[in-house]
Amino acid sequence: MLTIGQEFPKFSKTAVVSIEKGKEFETLTSDYFTNDDNVWTVMFWWPKDFTFVCPTEIAEFNKSYGEFRDRDARLIGASTDSEFVHAAWRRDHEDLRDLKFPMLADTSKSLAEDLGILEPTEKIAYRATFIVDPTGIIRWVSVNDLNVGRNVKEVLRVLDGLQTDELCPCNWEKGQDTLSV
């Protein structure tokens, strides 16, 4: 599995960005990660569309979208399902209709494989979360078992800590003192 300090892999994938007819799809590339705007990227993966735990996570990331934006971070959701399945799920599931971030389709499973998060038996992605800095370097990785949803508040807490570029003690939260050496 790729980890902290490594460059996020190069990719070009189709993503669902809307449910409006004719405007559903865009191509996202790894260039999305590196930019001159000092924007961070949070990419989170789920195993399968039309399941039970996954939409609770996706909806929670969407509810927190403004908090990520306020931290100069963009969100990308991803799974190994196709863009057509993503679009159908968004149209079908009330909590997913108004997503503010793209749903990346890794149908070839190549990006999940490059990241090292492809479950070996079913060939689906683990519940992995990557925080990538504006230069395209992975700064945090968290992977959950397929049955356990992640904690979006913890992703925000870690992003806050990384953005301080200082030493943050256990249970540190934004606004608290960092450590001085």
Protein backbone atom coordinates (compact mmCIF):
# COMPACT_ATOMS: atom_id res chain seq x y z
CA MET A 1 0.00 0.00 0.00
CA LEU A 2 1.23 3.49 -0.80
CA THR A 3 1.85 5.51 2.30
CA ILE A 4 2.97 8.80 3.74
CA GLY A 5 5.66 10.62 1.79
CA GLN A 6 4.94 8.88 -1.50
CA GLU A 7 3.59 10.55 -4.60
CA PHE A 8 -0.04 9.87 -5.42
CA PRO A 9 -0.15 7.76 -8.62
CA LYS A 10 -0.83 9.21 -12.05
CA PHE A 11 -4.33 8.51 -13.36
CA SER A 12 -7.06 9.58 -15.74
CA LYS A 13 -10.56 8.42 -14.80
CA THR A 14 -14.17 9.29 -15.48
CA ALA A 15 -16.10 10.81 -12.58
CA VAL A 16 -19.75 11.56 -11.99
CA VAL A 17 -20.10 15.26 -11.21
CA SER A 18 -23.84 15.79 -11.70
CA ILE A 19 -27.12 14.00 -12.27
CA GLU A 20 -28.23 16.60 -14.82
CA LYS A 21 -28.72 14.91 -18.19
CA GLY A 22 -25.77 15.57 -20.50
CA LYS A 23 -23.59 16.95 -17.69
CA GLU A 24 -23.06 13.80 -15.64
CA PHE A 25 -19.44 12.97 -16.46
CA GLU A 26 -16.00 14.60 -16.45
CA THR A 27 -12.49 13.23 -16.73
CA LEU A 28 -10.32 13.69 -13.65
CA THR A 29 -6.57 13.26 -13.82
CA SER A 30 -3.75 13.20 -11.31
CA ASP A 31 -3.08 16.81 -12.35
CA TYR A 32 -6.09 17.58 -10.16
CA PHE A 33 -3.82 16.95 -7.16
CA THR A 34 -0.98 19.29 -8.02
CA ASN A 35 -1.83 22.93 -8.33
CA ASP A 36 -0.64 26.45 -7.74
CA ASP A 37 -3.57 27.27 -5.47
CA ASN A 38 -2.19 25.49 -2.38
CA VAL A 39 -5.26 23.23 -2.29
CA TRP A 40 -5.16 19.88 -0.50
CA THR A 41 -7.07 16.82 -1.71
CA VAL A 42 -8.96 14.25 0.35
CA MET A 43 -9.77 11.12 -1.64
CA PHE A 44 -11.91 8.52 0.06
CA TRP A 45 -12.78 5.08 -1.31
CA TRP A 46 -15.75 2.81 -0.62
CA PRO A 47 -16.20 -0.85 -1.60
CA LYS A 48 -19.44 -0.92 -3.63
CA ASP A 49 -22.31 1.27 -4.74
CA PHE A 50 -25.85 0.30 -3.71
CA THR A 51 -24.68 -0.99 -0.33
CA PHE A 52 -25.45 0.00 3.25
CA VAL A 53 -22.44 1.53 5.05
CA CYS A 54 -21.09 3.37 2.00
CA PRO A 55 -23.90 5.91 1.56
CA THR A 56 -23.70 6.87 5.24
CA GLU A 57 -20.05 7.83 4.73
CA ILE A 58 -20.60 9.59 1.42
CA ALA A 59 -23.50 11.59 2.87
CA GLU A 60 -21.41 12.58 5.90
CA PHE A 61 -18.54 13.76 3.70
CA ASN A 62 -21.10 15.77 1.71
CA LYS A 63 -22.52 17.34 4.91
CA SER A 64 -18.95 18.34 5.82
CA TYR A 65 -18.11 19.61 2.33
CA GLY A 66 -18.05 23.25 3.47
CA GLU A 67 -15.63 22.41 6.27
CA PHE A 68 -13.22 20.83 3.77
CA ARG A 69 -13.62 23.80 1.41
CA ASP A 70 -12.93 26.20 4.30
CA ARG A 71 -9.65 24.33 4.81
CA ASP A 72 -8.66 24.69 1.14
CA ALA A 73 -9.27 20.99 0.54
CA ARG A 74 -11.19 19.34 -2.26
CA LEU A 75 -13.02 16.03 -1.88
CA ILE A 76 -13.08 13.13 -4.29
CA GLY A 77 -15.05 9.96 -3.62
CA ALA A 78 -14.09 6.77 -5.46
CA SER A 79 -14.87 3.10 -5.93
CA THR A 80 -14.28 0.43 -8.54
CA ASP A 81 -17.86 0.73 -9.81
CA SER A 82 -18.50 2.32 -13.20
CA GLU A 83 -19.54 5.90 -13.78
CA PHE A 84 -22.94 4.59 -14.94
CA VAL A 85 -23.48 2.74 -11.67
CA HIS A 86 -22.39 5.86 -9.74
CA ALA A 87 -24.85 8.00 -11.71
CA ALA A 88 -27.71 5.51 -11.18
CA TRP A 89 -26.93 5.34 -7.44
CA ARG A 90 -26.91 9.12 -7.16
CA ARG A 91 -30.27 9.35 -8.91
CA ASP A 92 -31.70 6.50 -6.81
CA HIS A 93 -30.43 7.41 -3.32
CA GLU A 94 -31.89 10.57 -1.75
CA ASP A 95 -28.75 11.28 0.32
CA LEU A 96 -26.53 11.19 -2.79
CA ARG A 97 -28.50 13.32 -5.27
CA ASP A 98 -26.92 16.65 -4.28
CA LEU A 99 -23.28 15.65 -3.85
CA LYS A 100 -20.87 18.56 -4.09
CA PHE A 101 -17.84 16.44 -5.04
CA PRO A 102 -17.06 14.01 -7.86
CA MET A 103 -17.53 10.23 -7.65
CA LEU A 104 -14.52 8.74 -9.45
CA ALA A 105 -15.02 5.46 -11.34
CA ASP A 106 -11.99 3.13 -11.25
CA THR A 107 -13.55 0.43 -13.42
CA SER A 108 -10.16 -0.98 -14.47
CA LYS A 109 -9.25 -1.15 -10.77
CA SER A 110 -5.82 0.16 -11.77
CA LEU A 111 -5.76 3.13 -9.38
CA ALA A 112 -6.98 1.03 -6.43
CA GLU A 113 -4.31 -1.52 -7.32
CA ASP A 114 -1.58 1.16 -7.61
CA LEU A 115 -2.61 2.48 -4.20
CA GLY A 116 -2.54 -1.04 -2.74
CA ILE A 117 -6.14 -0.90 -1.49
CA LEU A 118 -7.72 -3.59 -3.68
CA GLU A 119 -9.25 -6.36 -1.60
CA PRO A 120 -7.73 -9.59 -2.98
CA THR A 121 -10.82 -11.82 -3.12
CA GLU A 122 -13.64 -9.60 -4.40
CA LYS A 123 -11.32 -7.08 -6.12
CA ILE A 124 -13.11 -4.09 -4.58
CA ALA A 125 -11.50 -1.16 -2.80
CA TYR A 126 -11.08 -1.08 0.95
CA ARG A 127 -12.49 1.92 2.85
CA ALA A 128 -9.33 3.96 2.36
CA THR A 129 -8.82 7.68 2.88
CA PHE A 130 -5.85 9.64 1.53
CA ILE A 131 -4.94 13.21 2.37
CA VAL A 132 -2.72 14.57 -0.40
CA ASP A 133 -0.84 17.87 -0.11
CA PRO A 134 -0.80 20.49 -2.90
CA THR A 135 2.39 18.97 -4.37
CA GLY A 136 0.77 15.54 -4.85
CA ILE A 137 2.44 13.85 -1.86
CA ILE A 138 0.42 11.56 0.39
CA ARG A 139 0.44 12.97 3.92
CA TRP A 140 -2.07 10.63 5.63
CA VAL A 141 -3.63 7.25 4.93
CA SER A 142 -6.35 5.46 6.85
CA VAL A 143 -7.87 2.12 5.87
CA ASN A 144 -10.91 0.52 7.48
CA ASP A 145 -12.19 -3.01 7.22
CA LEU A 146 -15.03 -3.39 4.74
CA ASN A 147 -17.66 -3.53 7.51
CA VAL A 148 -16.63 -0.41 9.46
CA GLY A 149 -17.38 3.14 8.35
CA ARG A 150 -14.83 5.87 8.87
CA ASN A 151 -15.04 9.01 11.01
CA VAL A 152 -15.23 12.18 8.88
CA LYS A 153 -14.49 14.38 11.92
CA GLU A 154 -11.20 12.52 12.36
CA VAL A 155 -10.29 13.18 8.72
CA LEU A 156 -10.93 16.89 9.32
CA ARG A 157 -8.90 16.81 12.56
CA VAL A 158 -5.92 15.23 10.82
CA LEU A 159 -6.18 17.67 7.91
CA ASP A 160 -6.16 20.55 10.41
CA GLY A 161 -3.07 19.13 12.08
CA LEU A 162 -1.21 18.61 8.81
CA GLN A 163 -2.00 22.13 7.71
CA THR A 164 -0.44 23.62 10.86
CA ASP A 165 2.93 22.12 9.86
CA GLU A 166 3.61 21.94 13.60
CA LEU A 167 3.72 19.21 16.24
CA CYS A 168 0.20 18.29 17.32
CA PRO A 169 -0.25 16.23 20.51
CA CYS A 170 -2.62 13.32 21.02
CA ASN A 171 -6.29 14.32 20.66
CA TRP A 172 -5.26 17.76 19.40
CA GLU A 173 -8.02 19.78 17.77
CA LYS A 174 -7.98 22.95 15.73
CA GLY A 175 -7.59 26.00 17.96
CA GLN A 176 -5.61 24.17 20.62
CA ASP A 177 -1.94 24.80 21.30
CA THR A 178 0.62 22.84 19.33
CA LEU A 179 3.85 21.60 20.87
CA SER A 180 7.03 23.64 20.83
CA VAL A 181 10.40 21.96 21.02
